[in-house]
C-alpha atoms as a PDB file:
ATOM      1  CA  MET A   1      20.244  10.583 -22.732  1.00  0.00           C
ATOM      2  CA  THR A   2      18.170   8.575 -20.311  1.00  0.00           C
ATOM      3  CA  LYS A   3      19.065   4.927 -20.297  1.00  0.00           C
ATOM      4  CA  ARG A   4      16.591   2.074 -21.203  1.00  0.00           C
ATOM      5  CA  GLN A   5      16.381   0.725 -17.623  1.00  0.00           C
ATOM      6  CA  THR A   6      15.305   4.132 -16.384  1.00  0.00           C
ATOM      7  CA  ARG A   7      12.783   4.724 -19.310  1.00  0.00           C
ATOM      8  CA  ASP A   8      11.236   1.157 -18.673  1.00  0.00           C
ATOM      9  CA  PHE A   9      10.942   1.742 -15.016  1.00  0.00           C
ATOM     10  CA  LEU A  10       9.354   5.210 -15.298  1.00  0.00           C
ATOM     11  CA  ARG A  11       6.964   3.715 -18.016  1.00  0.00           C
ATOM     12  CA  GLU A  12       5.770   1.076 -15.669  1.00  0.00           C
ATOM     13  CA  CYS A  13       5.350   3.680 -12.770  1.00  0.00           C
ATOM     14  CA  ARG A  14       3.272   5.762 -15.041  1.00  0.00           C
ATOM     15  CA  GLN A  15       0.961   2.745 -15.904  1.00  0.00           C
ATOM     16  CA  TYR A  16       0.736   1.767 -12.173  1.00  0.00           C
ATOM     17  CA  HIS A  17      -2.374   2.802 -10.477  1.00  0.00           C
ATOM     18  CA  GLY A  18      -2.514   0.723  -7.439  1.00  0.00           C
ATOM     19  CA  GLY A  19      -3.434  -2.834  -6.557  1.00  0.00           C
ATOM     20  CA  LYS A  20      -1.290  -5.925  -7.157  1.00  0.00           C
ATOM     21  CA  PRO A  21       1.743  -4.686  -9.226  1.00  0.00           C
ATOM     22  CA  ARG A  22       2.373  -6.420 -12.555  1.00  0.00           C
ATOM     23  CA  ASP A  23       5.381  -8.516 -13.120  1.00  0.00           C
ATOM     24  CA  GLY A  24       6.757  -5.957 -15.487  1.00  0.00           C
ATOM     25  CA  LEU A  25       6.791  -3.232 -12.659  1.00  0.00           C
ATOM     26  CA  PHE A  26       8.758  -5.752 -10.476  1.00  0.00           C
ATOM     27  CA  GLN A  27      11.281  -6.523 -13.296  1.00  0.00           C
ATOM     28  CA  ALA A  28      11.776  -2.959 -14.241  1.00  0.00           C
ATOM     29  CA  THR A  29      12.140  -1.858 -10.566  1.00  0.00           C
ATOM     30  CA  GLY A  30      15.056  -4.433 -10.184  1.00  0.00           C
ATOM     31  CA  ALA A  31      16.665  -3.592 -13.519  1.00  0.00           C
ATOM     32  CA  PHE A  32      16.454   0.130 -12.610  1.00  0.00           C
ATOM     33  CA  LEU A  33      18.082  -0.167  -9.098  1.00  0.00           C
ATOM     34  CA  GLY A  34      20.824  -2.330 -10.575  1.00  0.00           C
ATOM     35  CA  HIS A  35      21.411   0.212 -13.168  1.00  0.00           C
ATOM     36  CA  ALA A  36      21.311   2.971 -10.594  1.00  0.00           C
ATOM     37  CA  ALA A  37      23.900   1.381  -8.477  1.00  0.00           C
ATOM     38  CA  ARG A  38      26.396   1.802 -11.225  1.00  0.00           C
ATOM     39  CA  ASN A  39      24.989   5.130 -12.488  1.00  0.00           C
ATOM     40  CA  PRO A  40      23.621   7.209  -9.504  1.00  0.00           C
ATOM     41  CA  SER A  41      22.524   9.978 -11.836  1.00  0.00           C
ATOM     42  CA  ALA A  42      19.731   7.731 -12.778  1.00  0.00           C
ATOM     43  CA  LEU A  43      18.262   8.316  -9.470  1.00  0.00           C
ATOM     44  CA  THR A  44      18.072  12.126  -9.882  1.00  0.00           C
ATOM     45  CA  VAL A  45      16.516  11.613 -13.325  1.00  0.00           C
ATOM     46  CA  ALA A  46      13.807   9.328 -11.852  1.00  0.00           C
ATOM     47  CA  ALA A  47      13.028  11.413  -8.897  1.00  0.00           C
ATOM     48  CA  ALA A  48      12.560  14.423 -11.126  1.00  0.00           C
ATOM     49  CA  GLU A  49       9.552  12.643 -12.801  1.00  0.00           C
ATOM     50  CA  LEU A  50       7.535  12.343  -9.453  1.00  0.00           C
ATOM     51  CA  PRO A  51       5.148  15.236 -10.290  1.00  0.00           C
ATOM     52  CA  ARG A  52       4.189  13.499 -13.564  1.00  0.00           C
ATOM     53  CA  LEU A  53       3.259  10.148 -12.065  1.00  0.00           C
ATOM     54  CA  PRO A  54      -0.151   9.056 -10.713  1.00  0.00           C
ATOM     55  CA  PRO A  55      -0.257   8.867  -6.821  1.00  0.00           C
ATOM     56  CA  ALA A  56       0.508   4.855  -6.825  1.00  0.00           C
ATOM     57  CA  GLY A  57       3.261   5.235  -9.417  1.00  0.00           C
ATOM     58  CA  ALA A  58       4.879   8.144  -7.299  1.00  0.00           C
ATOM     59  CA  ALA A  59       4.546   6.125  -4.160  1.00  0.00           C
ATOM     60  CA  TRP A  60       6.138   3.004  -5.852  1.00  0.00           C
ATOM     61  CA  LEU A  61       9.006   5.294  -7.047  1.00  0.00           C
ATOM     62  CA  SER A  62       9.275   6.701  -3.626  1.00  0.00           C
ATOM     63  CA  ILE A  63       9.890   3.269  -2.082  1.00  0.00           C
ATOM     64  CA  ALA A  64      12.375   2.406  -4.877  1.00  0.00           C
ATOM     65  CA  LEU A  65      14.244   5.375  -4.179  1.00  0.00           C
ATOM     66  CA  GLY A  66      14.307   4.844  -0.571  1.00  0.00           C
ATOM     67  CA  SER A  67      15.737   1.322  -1.192  1.00  0.00           C
ATOM     68  CA  ALA A  68      18.537   2.814  -3.116  1.00  0.00           C
ATOM     69  CA  ILE A  69      19.451   5.264  -0.265  1.00  0.00           C
ATOM     70  CA  GLU A  70      19.301   2.448   2.317  1.00  0.00           C
ATOM     71  CA  ASP A  71      21.907   0.643  -0.006  1.00  0.00           C
ATOM     72  CA  GLY A  72      24.104   3.483   0.251  1.00  0.00           C
ATOM     73  CA  ALA A  73      23.206   5.952  -2.542  1.00  0.00           C
ATOM     74  CA  ASP A  74      23.693   9.820  -1.725  1.00  0.00           C
ATOM     75  CA  PRO A  75      20.258  11.022  -0.517  1.00  0.00           C
ATOM     76  CA  GLU A  76      21.061  14.395  -2.018  1.00  0.00           C
ATOM     77  CA  LEU A  77      20.380  12.788  -5.405  1.00  0.00           C
ATOM     78  CA  THR A  78      16.723  12.275  -4.765  1.00  0.00           C
ATOM     79  CA  GLY A  79      15.797  13.870  -1.264  1.00  0.00           C
ATOM     80  CA  PRO A  80      15.266  17.398  -2.456  1.00  0.00           C
ATOM     81  CA  SER A  81      12.654  16.327  -5.239  1.00  0.00           C
ATOM     82  CA  LEU A  82      11.069  13.584  -3.200  1.00  0.00           C
ATOM     83  CA  LEU A  83      10.563  16.100  -0.089  1.00  0.00           C
ATOM     84  CA  ALA A  84       9.149  18.610  -2.433  1.00  0.00           C
ATOM     85  CA  HIS A  85       6.833  16.151  -3.948  1.00  0.00           C
ATOM     86  CA  PHE A  86       5.842  15.047  -0.403  1.00  0.00           C
ATOM     87  CA  ARG A  87       5.024  18.536   0.492  1.00  0.00           C
ATOM     88  CA  ALA A  88       3.076  19.111  -2.498  1.00  0.00           C
ATOM     89  CA  TRP A  89       0.584  16.316  -1.521  1.00  0.00           C
ATOM     90  CA  LEU A  90      -0.060  17.801   2.049  1.00  0.00           C
ATOM     91  CA  PRO A  91      -2.412  20.601   0.795  1.00  0.00           C
ATOM     92  CA  ARG A  92      -4.156  18.207  -1.474  1.00  0.00           C
ATOM     93  CA  LEU A  93      -5.285  16.028   1.435  1.00  0.00           C
ATOM     94  CA  PRO A  94      -8.269  17.300   3.334  1.00  0.00           C
ATOM     95  CA  ALA A  95      -8.084  18.574   6.993  1.00  0.00           C
ATOM     96  CA  PRO A  96     -10.101  15.756   8.644  1.00  0.00           C
ATOM     97  CA  SER A  97     -10.783  17.765  11.953  1.00  0.00           C
ATOM     98  CA  THR A  98     -12.622  20.444  10.041  1.00  0.00           C
ATOM     99  CA  ALA A  99     -13.644  18.880   6.840  1.00  0.00           C
ATOM    100  CA  ASN A 100     -17.425  18.246   6.079  1.00  0.00           C
ATOM    101  CA  ASN A 101     -18.422  19.661   9.465  1.00  0.00           C
ATOM    102  CA  GLY A 102     -22.117  19.981   9.228  1.00  0.00           C
ATOM    103  CA  GLY A 103     -25.130  20.780  11.333  1.00  0.00           C
ATOM    104  CA  GLU A 104     -25.425  23.386  14.087  1.00  0.00           C
ATOM    105  CA  GLU A 105     -22.374  24.795  15.775  1.00  0.00           C
ATOM    106  CA  GLY A 106     -21.254  22.480  18.536  1.00  0.00           C
ATOM    107  CA  GLY A 107     -22.945  19.601  16.815  1.00  0.00           C
ATOM    108  CA  GLU A 108     -21.450  16.299  15.920  1.00  0.00           C
ATOM    109  CA  PRO A 109     -19.310  16.571  12.693  1.00  0.00           C
ATOM    110  CA  GLU A 110     -20.291  14.537   9.566  1.00  0.00           C
ATOM    111  CA  ARG A 111     -18.178  11.459   8.898  1.00  0.00           C
ATOM    112  CA  PHE A 112     -15.230  12.419   7.039  1.00  0.00           C
ATOM    113  CA  GLU A 113     -15.307  11.389   3.421  1.00  0.00           C
ATOM    114  CA  PRO A 114     -12.349  12.021   1.084  1.00  0.00           C
ATOM    115  CA  THR A 115     -12.831  12.950  -2.573  1.00  0.00           C
ATOM    116  CA  GLN A 116     -12.033  10.287  -5.294  1.00  0.00           C
ATOM    117  CA  GLU A 117      -8.638  12.151  -5.557  1.00  0.00           C
ATOM    118  CA  GLN A 118      -8.043  12.387  -1.966  1.00  0.00           C
ATOM    119  CA  HIS A 119      -8.892   8.656  -1.594  1.00  0.00           C
ATOM    120  CA  ALA A 120      -6.177   7.775  -4.098  1.00  0.00           C
ATOM    121  CA  LEU A 121      -3.733   9.897  -2.288  1.00  0.00           C
ATOM    122  CA  PHE A 122      -4.525   8.480   1.133  1.00  0.00           C
ATOM    123  CA  ALA A 123      -4.486   4.820  -0.300  1.00  0.00           C
ATOM    124  CA  THR A 124      -0.682   5.290  -1.367  1.00  0.00           C
ATOM    125  CA  PHE A 125       0.302   7.998   1.246  1.00  0.00           C
ATOM    126  CA  PRO A 126       1.993   5.344   3.469  1.00  0.00           C
ATOM    127  CA  GLN A 127       4.193   4.162   0.616  1.00  0.00           C
ATOM    128  CA  LEU A 128       5.174   7.692  -0.306  1.00  0.00           C
ATOM    129  CA  CYS A 129       6.062   8.368   3.537  1.00  0.00           C
ATOM    130  CA  GLN A 130       8.075   5.009   3.732  1.00  0.00           C
ATOM    131  CA  GLY A 131      10.529   6.425   1.074  1.00  0.00           C
ATOM    132  CA  VAL A 132      10.499   9.848   2.765  1.00  0.00           C
ATOM    133  CA  VAL A 133      11.360   8.258   5.955  1.00  0.00           C
ATOM    134  CA  ALA A 134      14.278   6.343   4.483  1.00  0.00           C
ATOM    135  CA  HIS A 135      15.603   9.589   3.227  1.00  0.00           C
ATOM    136  CA  LEU A 136      15.134  11.741   6.272  1.00  0.00           C
ATOM    137  CA  ALA A 137      17.040   9.139   8.276  1.00  0.00           C
ATOM    138  CA  ARG A 138      20.179   9.891   6.255  1.00  0.00           C
ATOM    139  CA  MET A 139      19.535  13.666   6.035  1.00  0.00           C
ATOM    140  CA  PRO A 140      19.776  15.115   9.550  1.00  0.00           C
ATOM    141  CA  SER A 141      19.991  18.682   8.315  1.00  0.00           C
ATOM    142  CA  ALA A 142      16.860  18.332   6.384  1.00  0.00           C
ATOM    143  CA  ARG A 143      15.114  16.935   9.678  1.00  0.00           C
ATOM    144  CA  ASP A 144      16.430  19.888  11.828  1.00  0.00           C
ATOM    145  CA  ALA A 145      14.916  22.387   9.214  1.00  0.00           C
ATOM    146  CA  MET A 146      11.686  20.534   9.046  1.00  0.00           C
ATOM    147  CA  ALA A 147      11.577  20.397  12.862  1.00  0.00           C
ATOM    148  CA  ASP A 148      11.408  24.189  12.970  1.00  0.00           C
ATOM    149  CA  ASP A 149       8.551  24.338  10.637  1.00  0.00           C
ATOM    150  CA  ALA A 150       5.628  24.518  13.063  1.00  0.00           C
ATOM    151  CA  SER A 151       2.939  24.429  10.302  1.00  0.00           C
ATOM    152  CA  LEU A 152       4.252  21.245   8.831  1.00  0.00           C
ATOM    153  CA  LEU A 153       4.390  19.525  12.134  1.00  0.00           C
ATOM    154  CA  GLU A 154       0.804  20.650  12.837  1.00  0.00           C
ATOM    155  CA  ARG A 155      -0.384  19.289   9.561  1.00  0.00           C
ATOM    156  CA  LEU A 156       1.317  16.119   9.801  1.00  0.00           C
ATOM    157  CA  GLU A 157      -0.048  15.566  13.380  1.00  0.00           C
ATOM    158  CA  GLU A 158      -3.500  16.261  12.038  1.00  0.00           C
ATOM    159  CA  LEU A 159      -3.117  13.800   9.288  1.00  0.00           C
ATOM    160  CA  SER A 160      -1.623  11.136  11.728  1.00  0.00           C
ATOM    161  CA  GLU A 161      -5.109  10.502  12.882  1.00  0.00           C
ATOM    162  CA  HIS A 162      -6.072   9.315   9.491  1.00  0.00           C
ATOM    163  CA  SER A 163      -2.829   7.816   8.052  1.00  0.00           C
ATOM    164  CA  HIS A 164       0.129   6.135   9.780  1.00  0.00           C
ATOM    165  CA  GLY A 165       2.300   7.301   7.024  1.00  0.00           C
ATOM    166  CA  ALA A 166       2.040  10.996   8.455  1.00  0.00           C
ATOM    167  CA  ALA A 167       2.770   9.585  11.921  1.00  0.00           C
ATOM    168  CA  TRP A 168       6.044   7.925  10.645  1.00  0.00           C
ATOM    169  CA  VAL A 169       7.229  11.294   8.916  1.00  0.00           C
ATOM    170  CA  HIS A 170       6.171  13.384  12.028  1.00  0.00           C
ATOM    171  CA  GLU A 171       8.148  11.009  14.269  1.00  0.00           C
ATOM    172  CA  ALA A 172      11.068  10.967  12.107  1.00  0.00           C
ATOM    173  CA  ILE A 173      11.480  14.560  11.795  1.00  0.00           C
ATOM    174  CA  LEU A 174      11.406  15.083  15.518  1.00  0.00           C
ATOM    175  CA  ARG A 175      13.903  12.134  16.480  1.00  0.00           C
ATOM    176  CA  THR A 176      17.331  13.607  17.263  1.00  0.00           C
ATOM    177  CA  SER A 177      20.754  12.236  18.554  1.00  0.00           C
ATOM    178  CA  GLY A 178      23.361  13.648  20.669  1.00  0.00           C
ATOM    179  CA  SER A 179      25.387  13.395  23.948  1.00  0.00           C
ATOM    180  CA  LEU A 180      23.893  14.036  27.125  1.00  0.00           C
ATOM    181  CA  LEU A 181      25.560  14.963  30.595  1.00  0.00           C
ATOM    182  CA  VAL A 182      23.662  13.330  33.492  1.00  0.00           C
ATOM    183  CA  LEU A 183      24.552  14.624  36.951  1.00  0.00           C
ATOM    184  CA  HIS A 184      23.240  13.218  40.413  1.00  0.00           C
ATOM    185  CA  PRO A 185      24.043  16.111  42.733  1.00  0.00           C
ATOM    186  CA  PRO A 186      23.294  14.276  46.055  1.00  0.00           C
ATOM    187  CA  SER A 187      25.929  11.598  45.418  1.00  0.00           C
ATOM    188  CA  GLY A 188      28.226  14.035  43.586  1.00  0.00           C
ATOM    189  CA  GLN A 189      28.369  11.517  40.446  1.00  0.00           C
ATOM    190  CA  GLY A 190      27.765  12.075  36.818  1.00  0.00           C
ATOM    191  CA  LEU A 191      27.735  10.011  33.643  1.00  0.00           C
ATOM    192  CA  VAL A 192      28.048  10.866  29.902  1.00  0.00           C
ATOM    193  CA  ALA A 193      25.291   9.283  27.798  1.00  0.00           C
ATOM    194  CA  ARG A 194      24.704   9.037  24.086  1.00  0.00           C
ATOM    195  CA  TYR A 195      21.180   8.751  22.880  1.00  0.00           C
ATOM    196  CA  SER A 196      20.096   8.077  19.219  1.00  0.00           C
ATOM    197  CA  ASN A 197      16.828   8.791  17.376  1.00  0.00           C
ATOM    198  CA  VAL A 198      14.652   9.876  20.302  1.00  0.00           C
ATOM    199  CA  ALA A 199      11.831  12.363  20.119  1.00  0.00           C
ATOM    200  CA  THR A 200      10.169  12.779  23.376  1.00  0.00           C
ATOM    201  CA  CYS A 201      11.724  13.262  26.983  1.00  0.00           C
ATOM    202  CA  PHE A 202       9.588  10.484  28.396  1.00  0.00           C
ATOM    203  CA  HIS A 203      11.027   8.192  25.865  1.00  0.00           C
ATOM    204  CA  LEU A 204      14.616   9.476  26.657  1.00  0.00           C
ATOM    205  CA  PHE A 205      13.823   8.842  30.370  1.00  0.00           C
ATOM    206  CA  SER A 206      12.943   5.171  29.901  1.00  0.00           C
ATOM    207  CA  LEU A 207      15.958   4.639  27.740  1.00  0.00           C
ATOM    208  CA  LEU A 208      18.297   6.456  30.380  1.00  0.00           C
ATOM    209  CA  GLN A 209      16.751   4.394  33.222  1.00  0.00           C
ATOM    210  CA  ALA A 210      17.484   1.160  31.080  1.00  0.00           C
ATOM    211  CA  CYS A 211      21.118   2.044  30.596  1.00  0.00           C
ATOM    212  CA  ILE A 212      21.808   3.519  34.095  1.00  0.00           C
ATOM    213  CA  GLY A 213      20.120   0.875  36.097  1.00  0.00           C
ATOM    214  CA  PRO A 214      21.462   0.816  39.772  1.00  0.00           C
ATOM    215  CA  ARG A 215      24.576   2.723  38.906  1.00  0.00           C
ATOM    216  CA  LEU A 216      23.346   5.795  40.660  1.00  0.00           C
ATOM    217  CA  PRO A 217      21.307   6.062  44.053  1.00  0.00           C
ATOM    218  CA  GLY A 218      17.664   5.717  43.436  1.00  0.00           C
ATOM    219  CA  GLY A 219      18.276   3.495  40.310  1.00  0.00           C
ATOM    220  CA  ARG A 220      17.214  -0.190  39.916  1.00  0.00           C
ATOM    221  CA  GLU A 221      17.378  -3.170  37.652  1.00  0.00           C
ATOM    222  CA  PRO A 222      15.267  -2.046  34.499  1.00  0.00           C
ATOM    223  CA  ASP A 223      12.095  -3.922  33.485  1.00  0.00           C
ATOM    224  CA  PRO A 224      13.256  -5.834  30.451  1.00  0.00           C
ATOM    225  CA  ASN A 225       9.661  -5.303  28.960  1.00  0.00           C
ATOM    226  CA  VAL A 226      10.179  -1.551  29.182  1.00  0.00           C
ATOM    227  CA  THR A 227      13.661  -1.760  27.717  1.00  0.00           C
ATOM    228  CA  ALA A 228      12.345  -3.733  24.772  1.00  0.00           C
ATOM    229  CA  ALA A 229       9.534  -1.429  24.095  1.00  0.00           C
ATOM    230  CA  ALA A 230      11.667   1.681  24.431  1.00  0.00           C
ATOM    231  CA  ARG A 231      14.129   0.258  21.872  1.00  0.00           C
ATOM    232  CA  GLY A 232      11.143  -0.829  19.404  1.00  0.00           C
ATOM    233  CA  ARG A 233      11.398  -4.585  19.996  1.00  0.00           C
ATOM    234  CA  ASN A 234       8.204  -5.032  21.679  1.00  0.00           C
ATOM    235  CA  VAL A 235       4.990  -3.358  20.497  1.00  0.00           C
ATOM    236  CA  ASP A 236       2.923  -4.378  23.474  1.00  0.00           C
ATOM    237  CA  PRO A 237       1.558  -1.391  25.460  1.00  0.00           C
ATOM    238  CA  ILE A 238       3.647  -0.805  28.606  1.00  0.00           C
ATOM    239  CA  ASN A 239       3.710   1.629  31.369  1.00  0.00           C
ATOM    240  CA  ASP A 240       7.057   3.088  33.019  1.00  0.00           C
ATOM    241  CA  HIS A 241       7.655   5.570  35.766  1.00  0.00           C
ATOM    242  CA  ALA A 242      10.361   7.987  36.757  1.00  0.00           C
ATOM    243  CA  TRP A 243      13.171   6.685  39.285  1.00  0.00           C
ATOM    244  CA  TRP A 244      14.231  10.347  39.708  1.00  0.00           C
ATOM    245  CA  HIS A 245      13.059  13.943  39.585  1.00  0.00           C
ATOM    246  CA  TYR A 246      14.546  14.954  36.192  1.00  0.00           C
ATOM    247  CA  GLY A 247      15.596  18.638  36.807  1.00  0.00           C
ATOM    248  CA  ASP A 248      16.498  21.564  34.640  1.00  0.00           C
ATOM    249  CA  PRO A 249      20.273  22.301  35.142  1.00  0.00           C
ATOM    250  CA  ARG A 250      19.542  26.023  35.397  1.00  0.00           C
ATOM    251  CA  SER A 251      17.727  25.489  38.690  1.00  0.00           C
ATOM    252  CA  PRO A 252      20.357  24.610  41.516  1.00  0.00           C
ATOM    253  CA  ALA A 253      17.682  22.822  43.575  1.00  0.00           C
ATOM    254  CA  PRO A 254      14.887  20.507  42.610  1.00  0.00           C
ATOM    255  CA  GLU A 255      11.680  22.421  41.934  1.00  0.00           C
ATOM    256  CA  ILE A 256       8.519  21.398  40.279  1.00  0.00           C
ATOM    257  CA  ALA A 257       8.740  24.501  38.105  1.00  0.00           C
ATOM    258  CA  ALA A 258      12.303  23.591  37.069  1.00  0.00           C
ATOM    259  CA  SER A 259      11.416  20.114  35.874  1.00  0.00           C
ATOM    260  CA  ILE A 260      12.340  18.583  32.631  1.00  0.00           C
ATOM    261  CA  TRP A 261       8.787  17.766  31.286  1.00  0.00           C
ATOM    262  CA  GLY A 262       8.305  14.322  29.590  1.00  0.00           C
ATOM    263  CA  GLU A 263       6.103  15.696  27.043  1.00  0.00           C
ATOM    264  CA  ARG A 264       8.622  18.079  25.567  1.00  0.00           C
ATOM    265  CA  TRP A 265      10.972  17.328  22.729  1.00  0.00           C
ATOM    266  CA  VAL A 266      14.476  16.166  23.324  1.00  0.00           C
ATOM    267  CA  ARG A 267      15.690  18.749  20.759  1.00  0.00           C
ATOM    268  CA  SER A 268      14.788  21.395  23.321  1.00  0.00           C
ATOM    269  CA  LEU A 269      16.701  20.188  26.255  1.00  0.00           C
ATOM    270  CA  PRO A 270      18.503  22.876  27.930  1.00  0.00           C
ATOM    271  CA  LEU A 271      22.237  23.595  27.066  1.00  0.00           C
ATOM    272  CA  VAL A 272      24.956  24.458  29.436  1.00  0.00           C
ATOM    273  CA  ASP A 273      28.051  25.655  27.673  1.00  0.00           C
ATOM    274  CA  GLY A 274      27.062  24.016  24.570  1.00  0.00           C
ATOM    275  CA  LYS A 275      26.051  20.659  26.254  1.00  0.00           C
ATOM    276  CA  GLN A 276      22.705  19.259  26.923  1.00  0.00           C
ATOM    277  CA  VAL A 277      22.544  18.555  31.021  1.00  0.00           C
ATOM    278  CA  ILE A 278      19.964  16.887  33.055  1.00  0.00           C
ATOM    279  CA  LEU A 279      19.985  16.683  36.798  1.00  0.00           C
ATOM    280  CA  LEU A 280      18.718  13.613  38.630  1.00  0.00           C
ATOM    281  CA  TRP A 281      17.240  14.412  42.054  1.00  0.00           C
ATOM    282  CA  PRO A 282      15.325  12.068  44.470  1.00  0.00           C
ATOM    283  CA  PRO A 283      11.680  12.268  43.816  1.00  0.00           C
ATOM    284  CA  ILE A 284      10.000  15.337  45.228  1.00  0.00           C
ATOM    285  CA  VAL A 285       6.447  14.281  44.279  1.00  0.00           C
ATOM    286  CA  ALA A 286       4.747  10.958  43.560  1.00  0.00           C
ATOM    287  CA  SER A 287       6.434   9.276  40.797  1.00  0.00           C
ATOM    288  CA  ARG A 288       5.561  10.494  37.413  1.00  0.00           C
ATOM    289  CA  SER A 289       4.432   7.848  35.003  1.00  0.00           C
ATOM    290  CA  TRP A 290       3.967   7.510  31.237  1.00  0.00           C
ATOM    291  CA  ASP A 291       2.951   4.736  28.605  1.00  0.00           C
ATOM    292  CA  SER A 292       4.654   3.624  25.398  1.00  0.00           C
ATOM    293  CA  GLY A 293       2.575   5.907  23.308  1.00  0.00           C
ATOM    294  CA  PHE A 294       5.369   8.531  24.112  1.00  0.00           C
ATOM    295  CA  PHE A 295       7.841   6.201  22.236  1.00  0.00           C
ATOM    296  CA  GLY A 296       6.205   6.873  18.916  1.00  0.00           C
ATOM    297  CA  PRO A 297       6.002   4.256  16.059  1.00  0.00           C
ATOM    298  CA  HIS A 298       9.174   2.149  15.698  1.00  0.00           C
ATOM    299  CA  LEU A 299      11.188   3.156  12.739  1.00  0.00           C
ATOM    300  CA  GLU A 300      13.536   0.668  11.412  1.00  0.00           C
ATOM    301  CA  ALA A 301      15.526   3.474   9.614  1.00  0.00           C
ATOM    302  CA  LEU A 302      15.866   5.498  12.773  1.00  0.00           C
ATOM    303  CA  PRO A 303      16.029   2.925  15.868  1.00  0.00           C
ATOM    304  CA  ALA A 304      15.978   4.461  19.333  1.00  0.00           C
ATOM    305  CA  ASP A 305      18.589   3.760  21.753  1.00  0.00           C
ATOM    306  CA  ALA A 306      20.686   5.099  24.649  1.00  0.00           C
ATOM    307  CA  THR A 307      24.027   3.948  25.888  1.00  0.00           C
ATOM    308  CA  LEU A 308      26.477   5.035  28.660  1.00  0.00           C
ATOM    309  CA  GLU A 309      29.847   6.398  27.335  1.00  0.00           C
ATOM    310  CA  ARG A 310      31.662   6.840  30.567  1.00  0.00           C
ATOM    311  CA  ALA A 311      31.370   7.997  34.173  1.00  0.00           C
ATOM    312  CA  LEU A 312      32.667  11.418  35.042  1.00  0.00           C
ATOM    313  CA  ASP A 313      35.714  11.384  37.640  1.00  0.00           C
ATOM    314  CA  GLU A 314      35.376  13.251  40.974  1.00  0.00           C
ATOM    315  CA  THR A 315      37.009  16.326  39.786  1.00  0.00           C
ATOM    316  CA  GLU A 316      34.946  16.512  36.639  1.00  0.00           C
ATOM    317  CA  CYS A 317      31.641  16.243  38.821  1.00  0.00           C
ATOM    318  CA  HIS A 318      32.904  18.893  41.315  1.00  0.00           C
ATOM    319  CA  ASP A 319      33.732  21.164  38.451  1.00  0.00           C
ATOM    320  CA  TRP A 320      30.222  20.748  36.696  1.00  0.00           C
ATOM    321  CA  LEU A 321      28.173  21.172  40.113  1.00  0.00           C
ATOM    322  CA  ALA A 322      30.181  24.283  40.847  1.00  0.00           C
ATOM    323  CA  ARG A 323      29.503  25.691  37.456  1.00  0.00           C
ATOM    324  CA  LEU A 324      25.873  25.161  38.130  1.00  0.00           C
ATOM    325  CA  ALA A 325      26.109  26.590  41.455  1.00  0.00           C
ATOM    326  CA  ILE A 326      24.992  23.324  42.979  1.00  0.00           C
ATOM    327  CA  ASP A 327      25.968  22.277  46.463  1.00  0.00           C
ATOM    328  CA  GLY A 328      25.590  18.631  45.945  1.00  0.00           C
ATOM    329  CA  ARG A 329      26.229  17.285  49.157  1.00  0.00           C
END
């Protein structure tokens, strides 16, 4: 039997169609979350009602469920229902790049105008996405599966032009964490770094440079403004540039064709014996540069960072360079 706190909360969600929430909705939300903290199954009951709620009510419920997950509830209680509901919204939103294109071929498209239903969805989509991101931050396996769904990523990228909520989810899906072996062949030195919640390699380069600093030849003291922006602590636009040529470990010599391209996803970095490896060579062309647009939106649930775990000893470095057929010196 559904408890009173859950029934009252869902009733308020059904009656909420946007705008300033009523006091009753706030009160019912607080009572529901307190009840759910003691009875987690209430979260599953509420999440199952998402398809039967108006857009604003579903978005409010999404935020409430996300709050419960951030407070330690099991995301598997609500994640499957919320992600299914999120996916169900995507076909109902238009494709802005192709919608309402009038006139002759090659002419200017007409101004994108959503229908009344689409307007209601767009108005509350960021709130729905807020709850989705809170779940995805604690569901790495779901993020991995969604990162392999090219059509989903394409749809979110398309919608990102018109809704920052889509940009949040797109970024959350592509952010990943892991251990990275960084080798500097000319000096025969190496480091083990740990990165967290990074999507693009340009973002990773900035974070690596910030934590490596002058420890390796060619490094320097990092710009604090770049470091702050890369960690989401500064939203001002900045530019950064490569201190080294970032090389693919499958090439024993620095070559343009064997670059680690900054636009690629960190998820796709090459593996050697199950480890992600990047080579740092002296620059072989004019320094590459990028702007903070490659850092993506800052997500409090998935803060980006990189730290150094340790330096490789001489034997380890020698063994790795030999394994890669690199004559470092």
